[in-house]
Amino acid sequence: MNLSKIIGIVLIVVSLGIGYLGLNKVQENSSEVNLLGIKIEASDESGKQEGYMYIGFAVLLFAGGIYTVNKSK
């Protein structure tokens, strides 16, 4: 197995982990309560923005991993 292929696989695995953390961070920072038919929403915009940054970084890592694996063929 080629070293660049191993690096590509590691990038893909790390990107999946970071993407999972980002999705959890976005979900944790937004919530809603339904009280007597009235929907009350609360969210922490800075926390959601950080989660979206994690997801964006994960997409970049995933693309880099796919490129590295395909390049090594």
Protein backbone atom coordinates (compact mmCIF):
# COMPACT_ATOMS: atom_id res chain seq x y z
CA MET A 1 0.00 0.00 0.00
CA ASN A 2 1.24 3.42 -0.97
CA LEU A 3 1.98 6.09 1.67
CA SER A 4 -0.13 8.72 -0.12
CA LYS A 5 -3.07 6.29 -0.18
CA ILE A 6 -2.75 5.80 3.59
CA ILE A 7 -2.65 9.58 4.12
CA GLY A 8 -5.77 9.96 1.96
CA ILE A 9 -7.65 7.34 3.96
CA VAL A 10 -6.62 9.02 7.23
CA LEU A 11 -7.87 12.37 5.91
CA ILE A 12 -11.22 10.83 5.01
CA VAL A 13 -11.61 9.23 8.45
CA VAL A 14 -10.64 12.45 10.25
CA SER A 15 -13.06 14.45 8.10
CA LEU A 16 -15.92 12.14 9.07
CA GLY A 17 -15.12 12.66 12.75
CA ILE A 18 -14.90 16.43 12.44
CA GLY A 19 -18.11 16.51 10.42
CA TYR A 20 -19.88 14.54 13.13
CA LEU A 21 -18.64 16.97 15.77
CA GLY A 22 -19.82 19.90 13.67
CA LEU A 23 -23.30 18.46 13.21
CA ASN A 24 -23.59 17.81 16.95
CA LYS A 25 -22.45 21.36 17.71
CA VAL A 26 -25.11 22.82 15.38
CA GLN A 27 -27.83 20.65 16.94
CA GLU A 28 -26.78 21.49 20.50
CA ASN A 29 -26.96 25.21 19.86
CA SER A 30 -30.52 25.28 18.57
CA SER A 31 -33.64 24.14 20.34
CA GLU A 32 -37.36 24.71 20.31
CA VAL A 33 -40.15 24.18 22.82
CA ASN A 34 -43.82 23.76 21.99
CA LEU A 35 -45.81 25.22 24.89
CA LEU A 36 -49.61 25.28 24.58
CA GLY A 37 -49.43 25.42 20.80
CA ILE A 38 -46.86 28.22 20.80
CA LYS A 39 -43.48 27.36 19.35
CA ILE A 40 -40.56 29.01 21.15
CA GLU A 41 -37.16 28.78 19.48
CA ALA A 42 -33.78 29.57 20.99
CA SER A 43 -30.39 29.38 19.37
CA ASP A 44 -26.81 30.39 19.99
CA GLU A 45 -25.65 31.88 16.70
CA SER A 46 -21.93 31.85 17.53
CA GLY A 47 -22.10 28.17 18.48
CA LYS A 48 -23.96 27.34 15.28
CA GLN A 49 -21.41 29.30 13.26
CA GLU A 50 -18.59 27.31 14.86
CA GLY A 51 -20.41 24.08 13.99
CA TYR A 52 -20.77 25.20 10.38
CA MET A 53 -17.04 25.99 10.28
CA TYR A 54 -16.30 22.44 11.49
CA ILE A 55 -18.54 21.05 8.76
CA GLY A 56 -16.83 23.19 6.10
CA PHE A 57 -13.40 22.08 7.29
CA ALA A 58 -14.58 18.46 7.22
CA VAL A 59 -15.75 18.86 3.61
CA LEU A 60 -12.34 20.25 2.63
CA LEU A 61 -10.53 17.39 4.37
CA PHE A 62 -12.83 14.84 2.73
CA ALA A 63 -12.21 16.33 -0.73
CA GLY A 64 -8.47 16.34 -0.08
CA GLY A 65 -8.59 12.71 1.02
CA ILE A 66 -10.53 11.64 -2.06
CA TYR A 67 -8.12 13.55 -4.30
CA THR A 68 -5.09 11.98 -2.60
CA VAL A 69 -6.49 8.45 -2.86
CA ASN A 70 -7.37 8.89 -6.54
CA LYS A 71 -4.03 10.52 -7.31
CA SER A 72 -2.09 7.56 -5.94
CA LYS A 73 -3.67 5.10 -8.41
